[in-house]
Amino acid sequence: MNHPANTNRYFTVTTPLYYVNDIPHIGHAYTTMAADTIARWHRLKHRNVLLITGTDEHGQKIERTAIAAGVEPQVHCDRIVERFDALWSKLDIQYDRFSRTTAPAHLQIVNEFFMRVWERGDIYQGTQQGWYCVSCEEFKEERDLLADKHCPLHPSKQVEWRDESNYFFRLSKYQHQLEALYDRCPDFILPKSRRNEVLKFVAQGLQDFSISRVNVEWGIPLPIDPQQTIYVWFDALLGYMTALLDPDAEPTLDNALRHRWPINLHLIGKDILRFHAVYWPAMLMSAELPIPDRVFAHGYFTKDGKKISKSEGNAIDPIELVDRYGAEPLRYYFLKEIEFGQDGDFNENRFIEIVNADLANNLGNLVNRTLGMAKKYCQGRVPHCSAQDIAADNPLKILGQKLGVEVDIAYNELAFKAACESILNLVHSSNKYIDDLAPWTLFKQAKHSELAQVLYSVLESARLSAYLLSPIVPKISTDIYRQLGLDINFDAVCSNRSASKDSSTSELPVNWEQHGEWGILQADSQLGEAQPIFTKLELLAAASS
């Protein structure tokens, strides 16, 4: 069967559906900034992109949190969802669909999927005994617990003994099919270190897992036994399907999966890898549905070298951080400084040092000084020169001509750090090129042709750098483009409200497809006025202090 999601035209990426037990934290922001960046890159390439995010809103942990706050669970969920949406707005996240597992349409999707798996004979009733972590919403192996029966992922929380009659999914039935999937599709789980973790886990032998809970009211009742509710993960994973429903469509699996299934890319944190790389594909195999293309799990964060925890009092509030420093410095730092897929550390002093050096001292300085010379020596216009006039051995031309391909590969591999480093190499080389060629001396010597080639090379390198950085820092890139006389708004170009629609292409320059290449600035075109593209940051104390 030919699935449209696997054609070059379509691209669908998801964040996790975030659990609403508490307000959003920096890990949520990190995954979503990465998802937004890769979505923007594919929109630049004229692909029909769908970015899905949302919230997982059922389960005992939500029920208990709401009771502790003295509100109904739905009220609690609505309040936390508002916080997520506020953060996405502040971070300039342009999602297309926000999937909530309390939505009425989701109930219908879950019931239909459950019955499909039930009719396949892959759900049965049994007894579940073991240690259960409410915070993880997961049974734990006793050998993995910390002292005094504490959860290894939530050391401050003791697990609870459960002895229940539940319904189970026959995960063990799909052991060999999963191993065949991992062998056939080595890039299904990335990075490689996460793939190895899953292979080791599966090789130990898969056990059937409970997909229902008793004594949990805040959940979706089982279609076959309304006295029990569906396990929160079995429920939540199906939220990716619910998100694919067109707004006015009847909530059926056929309607949800008609155009964009399977998902191209699930972005997750490594703490939920097992659910997405083992449980999820097995569920889909049972329902006889295609498997998503890739699951990519990033690492954890520390702060100043220490594990982030409430007991340490060192939690990073992303809303507070963006209010203090703005969205673009944060987007740049987290994606450039931390290799996506690995663990990373946030240090506020280093954050300020990096963004000031790269965005102000390097990129900002390049744009400002070059526009200043163009105004002084070329009457504020692109020099009377074209890419064809530039010698083949020009170092900026050499770097620029291969940069677009390099960065395209890096973005597609989610190597955001490598993409930024390649782009900043061109920026650094451009500044050095100015220092080495000294345009002011060429002007004094009346070497007008050489001067034009130098200035054109640097202006074009600044433009290409802005284009390639635009998925990460769209507003800075827009400022650079406009100062170069190009009236392009990268937020609009990469917007879910315009760029995914065919009609948006009419608003772009006729040569837009070439903007990812070096050499498209037009000779003698009017440049804009030089303005600072980035104001240096200073260390700002949190509001509470």
Protein backbone atom coordinates (compact mmCIF):
# COMPACT_ATOMS: atom_id res chain seq x y z
CA MET A 1 0.00 0.00 0.00
CA ASN A 2 1.31 3.46 -0.85
CA HIS A 3 1.08 5.70 2.19
CA PRO A 4 1.02 9.45 1.38
CA ALA A 5 2.90 10.21 4.61
CA ASN A 6 5.92 8.45 3.11
CA THR A 7 6.01 10.51 -0.08
CA ASN A 8 8.33 13.48 -0.40
CA ARG A 9 5.40 15.88 -0.25
CA TYR A 10 4.21 15.06 3.28
CA PHE A 11 6.02 15.27 6.58
CA THR A 12 4.43 14.71 10.00
CA VAL A 13 6.35 15.16 13.24
CA THR A 14 5.13 14.80 16.82
CA THR A 15 6.24 15.80 20.26
CA PRO A 16 5.06 13.58 23.11
CA LEU A 17 1.60 14.29 24.43
CA TYR A 18 2.85 15.86 27.64
CA TYR A 19 1.51 14.64 30.97
CA VAL A 20 -0.40 17.40 32.76
CA ASN A 21 0.43 16.50 36.34
CA ASP A 22 2.41 19.75 36.61
CA ILE A 23 3.35 22.90 34.70
CA PRO A 24 5.67 22.57 31.67
CA HIS A 25 9.38 22.19 32.36
CA ILE A 26 12.52 22.72 30.30
CA GLY A 27 12.45 19.18 28.89
CA HIS A 28 9.04 19.86 27.35
CA ALA A 29 10.35 23.08 25.84
CA TYR A 30 13.46 21.36 24.45
CA THR A 31 11.58 18.62 22.61
CA THR A 32 9.09 21.10 21.20
CA MET A 33 11.72 23.59 20.04
CA ALA A 34 13.41 20.74 18.17
CA ALA A 35 10.12 19.63 16.62
CA ASP A 36 9.29 23.18 15.56
CA THR A 37 12.74 23.59 14.02
CA ILE A 38 12.56 20.44 11.91
CA ALA A 39 8.99 21.33 10.87
CA ARG A 40 10.16 24.78 9.74
CA TRP A 41 13.00 23.26 7.75
CA HIS A 42 10.65 20.96 5.87
CA ARG A 43 8.27 23.85 5.22
CA LEU A 44 11.16 25.77 3.66
CA LYS A 45 11.48 22.79 1.33
CA HIS A 46 7.81 23.16 0.33
CA ARG A 47 6.72 19.97 2.04
CA ASN A 48 3.21 19.68 3.44
CA VAL A 49 4.06 19.61 7.13
CA LEU A 50 1.99 18.73 10.17
CA LEU A 51 3.47 19.40 13.62
CA ILE A 52 1.51 17.66 16.37
CA THR A 53 1.82 18.34 20.07
CA GLY A 54 -0.66 17.96 22.89
CA THR A 55 -1.39 16.66 26.35
CA ASP A 56 -1.95 13.32 28.04
CA GLU A 57 -4.68 14.01 30.61
CA HIS A 58 -5.86 10.74 32.16
CA GLY A 59 -4.62 8.49 34.93
CA GLN A 60 -4.31 8.15 38.67
CA LYS A 61 -1.57 10.74 39.01
CA ILE A 62 -3.80 13.41 37.44
CA GLU A 63 -6.71 12.29 39.61
CA ARG A 64 -4.65 12.60 42.81
CA THR A 65 -3.09 15.92 41.77
CA ALA A 66 -6.54 17.41 41.14
CA ILE A 67 -7.88 16.13 44.46
CA ALA A 68 -4.88 17.65 46.27
CA ALA A 69 -5.62 20.99 44.57
CA GLY A 70 -9.31 20.79 45.45
CA VAL A 71 -10.53 20.88 41.83
CA GLU A 72 -12.11 18.51 39.36
CA PRO A 73 -9.60 16.66 37.14
CA GLN A 74 -10.86 18.38 33.99
CA VAL A 75 -10.43 21.80 35.57
CA HIS A 76 -6.88 20.89 36.54
CA CYS A 77 -6.16 19.66 33.00
CA ASP A 78 -7.57 22.81 31.42
CA ARG A 79 -5.37 25.00 33.62
CA ILE A 80 -2.19 23.12 32.76
CA VAL A 81 -3.03 23.08 29.05
CA GLU A 82 -3.26 26.88 29.18
CA ARG A 83 0.28 26.96 30.56
CA PHE A 84 1.58 24.74 27.76
CA ASP A 85 -0.12 26.84 25.10
CA ALA A 86 1.27 30.04 26.65
CA LEU A 87 4.78 28.61 26.57
CA TRP A 88 4.47 27.52 22.94
CA SER A 89 3.36 31.03 22.02
CA LYS A 90 6.31 32.58 23.86
CA LEU A 91 8.75 30.20 22.16
CA ASP A 92 7.26 30.88 18.71
CA ILE A 93 6.17 27.25 18.31
CA GLN A 94 3.98 26.93 15.22
CA TYR A 95 2.14 23.70 15.84
CA ASP A 96 -0.66 22.53 13.57
CA ARG A 97 -2.62 20.24 15.87
CA PHE A 98 -2.94 20.13 19.66
CA SER A 99 -4.18 16.70 20.72
CA ARG A 100 -5.92 16.34 24.09
CA THR A 101 -6.78 12.88 25.37
CA THR A 102 -9.91 14.25 27.09
CA ALA A 103 -11.36 15.35 23.74
CA PRO A 104 -14.61 13.54 22.76
CA ALA A 105 -13.15 12.52 19.39
CA HIS A 106 -10.26 10.80 21.14
CA LEU A 107 -12.67 8.61 23.12
CA GLN A 108 -14.11 7.29 19.87
CA ILE A 109 -10.66 6.58 18.40
CA VAL A 110 -9.53 4.74 21.55
CA ASN A 111 -12.67 2.60 21.68
CA GLU A 112 -12.40 1.62 18.03
CA PHE A 113 -8.71 0.77 18.31
CA PHE A 114 -9.27 -1.21 21.52
CA MET A 115 -12.00 -3.28 19.91
CA ARG A 116 -9.85 -3.97 16.86
CA VAL A 117 -7.10 -5.37 19.09
CA TRP A 118 -9.65 -7.23 21.24
CA GLU A 119 -11.13 -8.91 18.18
CA ARG A 120 -7.65 -10.02 17.15
CA GLY A 121 -7.48 -11.97 20.42
CA ASP A 122 -4.61 -9.87 21.76
CA ILE A 123 -6.36 -8.72 24.95
CA TYR A 124 -7.21 -11.09 27.80
CA GLN A 125 -8.11 -10.89 31.49
CA GLY A 126 -5.55 -11.81 34.13
CA THR A 127 -4.05 -10.82 37.46
CA GLN A 128 -1.39 -8.15 37.89
CA GLN A 129 0.82 -8.22 40.96
CA GLY A 130 3.78 -5.96 41.46
CA TRP A 131 5.22 -2.63 42.48
CA TYR A 132 3.56 0.33 40.77
CA CYS A 133 4.90 3.89 40.41
CA VAL A 134 2.01 6.33 40.15
CA SER A 135 4.36 9.06 38.89
CA CYS A 136 5.51 6.85 36.00
CA GLU A 137 2.09 5.19 35.62
CA GLU A 138 4.04 1.95 35.25
CA PHE A 139 4.78 -1.31 37.08
CA LYS A 140 8.41 -1.66 38.12
CA GLU A 141 10.69 -4.67 38.44
CA GLU A 142 11.69 -5.09 42.08
CA ARG A 143 15.34 -5.45 41.08
CA ASP A 144 15.26 -1.94 39.61
CA LEU A 145 13.93 -0.20 42.74
CA LEU A 146 16.01 1.97 45.04
CA ALA A 147 16.25 1.48 48.79
CA ASP A 148 12.93 1.40 50.66
CA LYS A 149 11.06 0.66 47.43
CA HIS A 150 11.62 4.05 45.82
CA CYS A 151 11.26 4.55 42.06
CA PRO A 152 14.60 4.99 40.24
CA LEU A 153 13.09 7.76 38.06
CA HIS A 154 11.29 9.46 40.98
CA PRO A 155 13.60 8.84 43.98
CA SER A 156 11.33 10.81 46.33
CA LYS A 157 8.35 8.56 45.52
CA GLN A 158 7.74 5.13 46.99
CA VAL A 159 6.13 2.58 44.72
CA GLU A 160 2.85 0.93 45.72
CA TRP A 161 2.05 -2.78 45.81
CA ARG A 162 -0.78 -3.70 43.46
CA ASP A 163 -2.72 -6.95 43.22
CA GLU A 164 -5.44 -6.44 40.62
CA SER A 165 -7.57 -8.24 38.09
CA ASN A 166 -6.76 -6.41 34.85
CA TYR A 167 -6.87 -6.82 31.10
CA PHE A 168 -3.55 -7.55 29.39
CA PHE A 169 -2.11 -6.93 25.95
CA ARG A 170 -0.22 -9.88 24.43
CA LEU A 171 3.08 -8.06 23.99
CA SER A 172 5.01 -11.34 24.13
CA LYS A 173 3.25 -12.46 20.95
CA TYR A 174 5.05 -9.72 19.02
CA GLN A 175 8.59 -10.40 20.29
CA HIS A 176 9.86 -11.80 16.99
CA GLN A 177 7.98 -9.27 14.85
CA LEU A 178 9.52 -6.42 16.83
CA GLU A 179 13.00 -7.90 16.51
CA ALA A 180 12.43 -8.24 12.78
CA LEU A 181 11.32 -4.58 12.64
CA TYR A 182 14.48 -3.42 14.43
CA ASP A 183 16.62 -5.53 12.09
CA ARG A 184 14.80 -4.44 8.93
CA CYS A 185 14.67 -0.74 9.90
CA PRO A 186 17.86 0.12 11.81
CA ASP A 187 16.90 3.81 11.82
CA PHE A 188 13.52 3.18 13.43
CA ILE A 189 15.06 4.00 16.83
CA LEU A 190 17.64 6.78 17.08
CA PRO A 191 20.20 7.67 18.23
CA LYS A 192 22.11 4.38 18.14
CA SER A 193 22.62 4.34 21.91
CA ARG A 194 18.84 4.33 22.43
CA ARG A 195 18.40 1.62 19.83
CA ASN A 196 20.89 -0.53 21.71
CA GLU A 197 18.94 -0.02 24.96
CA VAL A 198 15.75 -1.24 23.31
CA LEU A 199 17.43 -4.23 21.68
CA LYS A 200 18.85 -5.28 25.04
CA PHE A 201 15.47 -4.89 26.75
CA VAL A 202 13.60 -6.87 24.12
CA ALA A 203 16.25 -9.60 24.06
CA GLN A 204 15.51 -10.32 27.73
CA GLY A 205 12.07 -11.51 26.69
CA LEU A 206 8.87 -9.45 26.52
CA GLN A 207 6.11 -9.82 29.07
CA ASP A 208 2.46 -9.06 28.44
CA PHE A 209 1.46 -5.76 30.06
CA SER A 210 -1.68 -4.59 31.79
CA ILE A 211 -3.77 -2.15 29.76
CA SER A 212 -6.50 -1.47 32.32
CA ARG A 213 -6.77 -0.18 35.85
CA VAL A 214 -9.29 -0.67 38.64
CA ASN A 215 -10.17 2.03 41.15
CA VAL A 216 -9.09 4.77 38.73
CA GLU A 217 -12.07 6.87 37.75
CA TRP A 218 -10.24 9.48 35.68
CA GLY A 219 -9.84 7.59 32.46
CA ILE A 220 -11.65 6.05 29.50
CA PRO A 221 -13.85 3.10 30.53
CA LEU A 222 -13.06 -0.21 28.84
CA PRO A 223 -15.62 -0.88 26.09
CA ILE A 224 -15.89 -4.49 27.31
CA ASP A 225 -15.81 -3.80 31.07
CA PRO A 226 -16.81 -0.26 32.14
CA GLN A 227 -15.75 -0.99 35.74
CA GLN A 228 -12.15 -0.58 34.60
CA THR A 229 -10.41 2.26 32.78
CA ILE A 230 -7.89 2.01 29.97
CA TYR A 231 -4.25 2.26 31.01
CA VAL A 232 -3.03 5.78 30.45
CA TRP A 233 -0.28 4.84 27.97
CA PHE A 234 -2.53 2.67 25.82
CA ASP A 235 -4.85 5.68 25.74
CA ALA A 236 -2.23 8.39 25.22
CA LEU A 237 -0.32 6.85 22.32
CA LEU A 238 -3.52 6.85 20.31
CA GLY A 239 -3.62 10.64 20.68
CA TYR A 240 -1.24 10.80 17.73
CA MET A 241 -3.98 9.29 15.60
CA THR A 242 -6.70 11.55 16.98
CA ALA A 243 -4.58 14.55 15.98
CA LEU A 244 -4.74 13.48 12.34
CA LEU A 245 -8.51 13.89 12.16
CA ASP A 246 -9.66 16.82 10.09
CA PRO A 247 -11.70 19.19 12.30
CA ASP A 248 -15.10 18.30 10.83
CA ALA A 249 -14.43 14.61 10.18
CA GLU A 250 -16.31 11.81 11.91
CA PRO A 251 -13.92 10.37 14.56
CA THR A 252 -13.07 7.00 13.03
CA LEU A 253 -9.72 5.30 12.51
CA ASP A 254 -10.24 5.30 8.75
CA ASN A 255 -10.74 9.06 8.72
CA ALA A 256 -7.80 9.68 11.06
CA LEU A 257 -5.34 7.55 9.11
CA ARG A 258 -6.49 8.26 5.57
CA HIS A 259 -3.97 10.92 4.55
CA ARG A 260 -0.96 11.12 6.85
CA TRP A 261 -0.38 7.76 8.46
CA PRO A 262 2.20 6.56 9.34
CA ILE A 263 3.88 9.36 11.28
CA ASN A 264 7.31 10.25 9.91
CA LEU A 265 8.96 11.20 13.19
CA HIS A 266 8.18 10.87 16.89
CA LEU A 267 10.42 13.12 19.03
CA ILE A 268 10.53 12.04 22.69
CA GLY A 269 12.63 12.11 25.84
CA LYS A 270 14.52 8.92 26.61
CA ASP A 271 12.40 8.27 29.71
CA ILE A 272 9.45 7.23 27.52
CA LEU A 273 11.43 5.32 24.90
CA ARG A 274 10.09 1.88 25.82
CA PHE A 275 6.48 2.97 25.35
CA HIS A 276 7.17 4.38 21.87
CA ALA A 277 9.71 1.84 20.59
CA VAL A 278 8.25 -1.38 22.03
CA TYR A 279 4.63 -1.07 23.19
CA TRP A 280 3.49 1.29 20.44
CA PRO A 281 4.70 -0.69 17.39
CA ALA A 282 3.37 -3.91 18.93
CA MET A 283 -0.05 -2.31 19.39
CA LEU A 284 0.00 -1.18 15.78
CA MET A 285 1.04 -4.64 14.58
CA SER A 286 -1.92 -6.08 16.46
CA ALA A 287 -4.26 -3.58 14.80
CA GLU A 288 -2.63 -4.38 11.44
CA LEU A 289 -1.53 -0.78 10.89
CA PRO A 290 1.76 0.59 9.50
CA ILE A 291 4.55 1.52 11.91
CA PRO A 292 5.90 5.11 12.20
CA ASP A 293 9.15 5.77 10.36
CA ARG A 294 11.35 6.95 13.24
CA VAL A 295 11.41 7.39 17.00
CA PHE A 296 14.15 9.75 18.17
CA ALA A 297 14.83 10.00 21.91
CA HIS A 298 16.87 12.87 23.31
CA GLY A 299 18.64 12.95 26.66
CA TYR A 300 18.19 14.51 30.07
CA PHE A 301 19.24 17.92 31.37
CA THR A 302 21.39 18.91 34.28
CA LYS A 303 21.79 22.43 35.61
CA ASP A 304 25.28 23.62 36.46
CA GLY A 305 26.35 19.98 36.40
CA LYS A 306 23.73 18.83 38.90
CA LYS A 307 20.64 16.71 38.35
CA ILE A 308 17.50 18.83 38.16
CA SER A 309 15.08 17.99 40.95
CA LYS A 310 12.63 19.62 43.31
CA SER A 311 14.76 18.54 46.27
CA GLU A 312 17.75 20.40 44.79
CA GLY A 313 15.56 23.45 44.18
CA ASN A 314 17.20 23.93 40.79
CA ALA A 315 14.30 23.41 38.39
CA ILE A 316 14.43 25.50 35.21
CA ASP A 317 11.16 27.32 34.53
CA PRO A 318 11.07 27.81 30.74
CA ILE A 319 8.38 30.49 30.94
CA GLU A 320 10.46 32.54 33.35
CA LEU A 321 13.56 31.99 31.23
CA VAL A 322 11.94 33.16 28.00
CA ASP A 323 10.44 36.17 29.78
CA ARG A 324 13.93 37.19 30.89
CA TYR A 325 15.91 36.53 27.74
CA GLY A 326 13.52 36.04 24.82
CA ALA A 327 12.74 33.04 22.67
CA GLU A 328 15.44 33.17 20.01
CA PRO A 329 18.48 33.06 22.34
CA LEU A 330 16.96 30.02 24.06
CA ARG A 331 16.10 28.28 20.80
CA TYR A 332 19.62 28.89 19.53
CA TYR A 333 21.45 27.84 22.67
CA PHE A 334 19.60 24.61 23.35
CA LEU A 335 19.78 23.40 19.75
CA LYS A 336 23.30 24.59 19.00
CA GLU A 337 25.06 23.89 22.26
CA ILE A 338 23.58 20.47 23.14
CA GLU A 339 24.00 17.58 20.74
CA PHE A 340 20.48 16.35 20.13
CA GLY A 341 20.13 12.84 21.48
CA GLN A 342 22.73 13.26 24.23
CA ASP A 343 22.39 14.52 27.79
CA GLY A 344 23.07 18.23 28.19
CA ASP A 345 23.77 20.84 30.83
CA PHE A 346 22.33 24.33 31.21
CA ASN A 347 24.55 26.97 32.75
CA GLU A 348 23.21 30.50 32.59
CA ASN A 349 26.59 32.17 32.29
CA ARG A 350 27.62 29.88 29.45
CA PHE A 351 24.24 30.41 27.77
CA ILE A 352 24.83 34.18 27.73
CA GLU A 353 28.44 33.76 26.62
CA ILE A 354 27.49 31.51 23.67
CA VAL A 355 24.58 33.55 22.29
CA ASN A 356 26.45 36.84 22.66
CA ALA A 357 29.51 35.43 20.89
CA ASP A 358 27.62 33.78 18.05
CA LEU A 359 24.63 36.03 17.44
CA ALA A 360 26.03 39.45 18.39
CA ASN A 361 29.81 39.36 18.00
CA ASN A 362 29.93 37.04 15.00
CA LEU A 363 26.73 37.12 12.96
CA GLY A 364 25.53 40.56 14.04
CA ASN A 365 28.93 42.13 13.49
CA LEU A 366 29.18 40.60 10.02
CA VAL A 367 25.85 42.02 8.90
CA ASN A 368 26.42 45.43 10.42
CA ARG A 369 29.94 46.05 9.14
CA THR A 370 29.19 44.74 5.63
CA LEU A 371 26.06 46.86 5.22
CA GLY A 372 28.03 49.85 6.48
CA MET A 373 30.67 49.35 3.80
CA ALA A 374 28.02 48.76 1.11
CA LYS A 375 26.42 52.06 2.07
CA LYS A 376 29.74 53.87 2.02
CA TYR A 377 31.24 52.31 -1.11
CA CYS A 378 28.20 51.19 -3.18
CA GLN A 379 25.50 53.77 -2.37
CA GLY A 380 23.62 51.26 -0.22
CA ARG A 381 23.18 48.73 -3.00
CA VAL A 382 24.37 45.22 -3.74
CA PRO A 383 27.64 45.71 -5.68
CA HIS A 384 27.50 45.59 -9.48
CA CYS A 385 28.51 41.96 -9.43
CA SER A 386 27.02 38.47 -9.55
CA ALA A 387 27.95 35.01 -8.33
CA GLN A 388 29.31 34.21 -11.79
CA ASP A 389 31.82 37.05 -11.43
CA ILE A 390 33.26 35.54 -8.28
CA ALA A 391 36.37 33.40 -8.82
CA ALA A 392 35.94 29.65 -8.33
CA ASP A 393 38.67 29.64 -5.68
CA ASN A 394 36.97 32.34 -3.57
CA PRO A 395 36.92 30.79 -0.06
CA LEU A 396 33.40 32.03 0.74
CA LYS A 397 32.05 30.75 -2.56
CA ILE A 398 33.63 27.36 -1.91
CA LEU A 399 32.11 27.15 1.57
CA GLY A 400 28.76 28.55 0.48
CA GLN A 401 28.27 26.25 -2.49
CA LYS A 402 28.47 23.13 -0.36
CA LEU A 403 26.85 24.54 2.79
CA GLY A 404 23.23 24.11 1.73
CA VAL A 405 23.68 20.38 1.20
CA GLU A 406 25.62 20.00 4.46
CA VAL A 407 22.95 21.76 6.48
CA ASP A 408 20.11 19.90 4.77
CA ILE A 409 21.70 16.59 5.76
CA ALA A 410 22.26 17.83 9.30
CA TYR A 411 18.67 19.00 9.78
CA ASN A 412 17.30 15.76 8.35
CA GLU A 413 19.48 13.81 10.79
CA LEU A 414 18.36 16.11 13.65
CA ALA A 415 21.99 17.17 14.04
CA PHE A 416 21.09 20.74 14.97
CA LYS A 417 24.45 21.36 16.60
CA ALA A 418 26.30 20.32 13.44
CA ALA A 419 24.01 22.52 11.32
CA CYS A 420 24.71 25.58 13.48
CA GLU A 421 28.45 24.94 13.55
CA SER A 422 28.62 24.66 9.76
CA ILE A 423 26.66 27.90 9.33
CA LEU A 424 28.76 29.72 11.93
CA ASN A 425 31.88 28.55 10.15
CA LEU A 426 30.76 30.49 7.08
CA VAL A 427 29.99 33.53 9.25
CA HIS A 428 33.38 33.37 10.95
CA SER A 429 35.12 32.87 7.60
CA SER A 430 33.28 35.90 6.22
CA ASN A 431 34.50 38.13 9.04
CA LYS A 432 38.03 36.85 8.54
CA TYR A 433 37.71 37.42 4.78
CA ILE A 434 36.86 41.07 5.42
CA ASP A 435 39.86 41.46 7.72
CA ASP A 436 42.19 39.76 5.23
CA LEU A 437 40.98 41.55 2.09
CA ALA A 438 40.47 44.97 3.76
CA PRO A 439 37.75 46.48 1.51
CA TRP A 440 38.58 49.96 2.82
CA THR A 441 42.06 49.62 1.31
CA LEU A 442 40.66 48.38 -2.01
CA PHE A 443 38.41 51.44 -2.07
CA LYS A 444 41.33 53.79 -1.46
CA GLN A 445 43.26 52.04 -4.21
CA ALA A 446 40.30 52.39 -6.59
CA LYS A 447 40.20 48.63 -7.12
CA HIS A 448 36.47 48.75 -7.72
CA SER A 449 36.04 45.34 -9.31
CA GLU A 450 37.86 43.58 -6.48
CA LEU A 451 35.94 45.62 -3.91
CA ALA A 452 32.63 44.65 -5.51
CA GLN A 453 33.53 40.97 -5.45
CA VAL A 454 34.58 41.11 -1.80
CA LEU A 455 31.42 42.87 -0.67
CA TYR A 456 29.16 40.69 -2.79
CA SER A 457 30.74 37.53 -1.40
CA VAL A 458 30.23 38.65 2.18
CA LEU A 459 26.69 39.97 1.69
CA GLU A 460 25.67 36.73 -0.01
CA SER A 461 27.27 34.64 2.75
CA ALA A 462 25.35 36.61 5.37
CA ARG A 463 22.12 36.02 3.43
CA LEU A 464 22.69 32.28 3.08
CA SER A 465 23.56 32.01 6.78
CA ALA A 466 20.31 33.76 7.70
CA TYR A 467 18.28 31.44 5.46
CA LEU A 468 19.85 28.30 6.90
CA LEU A 469 19.47 29.51 10.50
CA SER A 470 15.85 30.55 10.01
CA PRO A 471 14.27 27.35 11.39
CA ILE A 472 16.03 28.06 14.69
CA VAL A 473 16.00 31.88 14.87
CA PRO A 474 13.30 33.01 12.40
CA LYS A 475 13.04 36.59 13.66
CA ILE A 476 16.78 37.24 13.50
CA SER A 477 16.85 35.73 10.02
CA THR A 478 13.95 37.93 8.97
CA ASP A 479 15.78 41.02 10.23
CA ILE A 480 18.88 40.08 8.25
CA TYR A 481 16.89 39.43 5.08
CA ARG A 482 15.11 42.76 5.33
CA GLN A 483 18.36 44.61 5.89
CA LEU A 484 19.61 42.93 2.74
CA GLY A 485 16.61 44.31 0.86
CA LEU A 486 14.66 41.04 0.81
CA ASP A 487 11.14 41.43 2.17
CA ILE A 488 10.74 37.92 3.57
CA ASN A 489 9.18 37.05 6.92
CA PHE A 490 10.41 33.60 7.90
CA ASP A 491 7.67 33.21 10.50
CA ALA A 492 5.12 33.64 7.71
CA VAL A 493 7.00 31.48 5.22
CA CYS A 494 7.27 28.64 7.75
CA SER A 495 3.87 29.14 9.32
CA ASN A 496 1.36 26.34 9.62
CA ARG A 497 -1.15 28.95 8.53
CA SER A 498 0.49 29.63 5.19
CA ALA A 499 3.55 27.65 4.24
CA SER A 500 1.79 24.30 4.20
CA LYS A 501 -0.73 25.66 1.71
CA ASP A 502 0.06 25.70 -1.97
CA SER A 503 -1.25 29.26 -2.29
CA SER A 504 1.53 30.61 -0.06
CA THR A 505 4.14 30.07 -2.76
CA SER A 506 2.76 33.02 -4.70
CA GLU A 507 3.96 35.34 -1.92
CA LEU A 508 7.59 34.20 -2.27
CA PRO A 509 10.26 35.41 -4.71
CA VAL A 510 10.24 33.63 -8.02
CA ASN A 511 13.68 32.18 -7.23
CA TRP A 512 12.76 31.01 -3.70
CA GLU A 513 13.83 27.44 -4.45
CA GLN A 514 17.38 28.75 -4.94
CA HIS A 515 17.62 30.58 -1.60
CA GLY A 516 19.28 27.57 0.01
CA GLU A 517 22.15 27.98 -2.46
CA TRP A 518 25.00 30.48 -2.56
CA GLY A 519 24.79 33.29 -5.13
CA ILE A 520 21.25 34.63 -5.50
CA LEU A 521 21.61 38.30 -4.49
CA GLN A 522 20.88 40.51 -7.47
CA ALA A 523 23.44 43.11 -8.55
CA ASP A 524 22.51 46.75 -7.88
CA SER A 525 19.44 45.84 -5.77
CA GLN A 526 18.67 48.24 -2.93
CA LEU A 527 19.85 47.26 0.54
CA GLY A 528 18.13 48.23 3.76
CA GLU A 529 19.46 50.22 6.69
CA ALA A 530 21.84 48.46 9.07
CA GLN A 531 20.26 47.75 12.46
CA PRO A 532 21.52 45.60 15.35
CA ILE A 533 20.09 42.12 14.76
CA PHE A 534 20.79 40.98 18.31
CA THR A 535 21.30 42.93 21.49
CA LYS A 536 23.82 41.37 23.83
CA LEU A 537 22.33 39.65 26.86
CA GLU A 538 23.25 40.35 30.45
CA LEU A 539 22.77 37.97 33.35
CA LEU A 540 19.35 38.77 34.79
CA ALA A 541 18.15 37.60 38.18
CA ALA A 542 14.92 35.61 38.37
CA ALA A 543 11.84 37.66 39.24
CA SER A 544 11.46 35.96 42.61
CA SER A 545 14.85 37.17 43.73
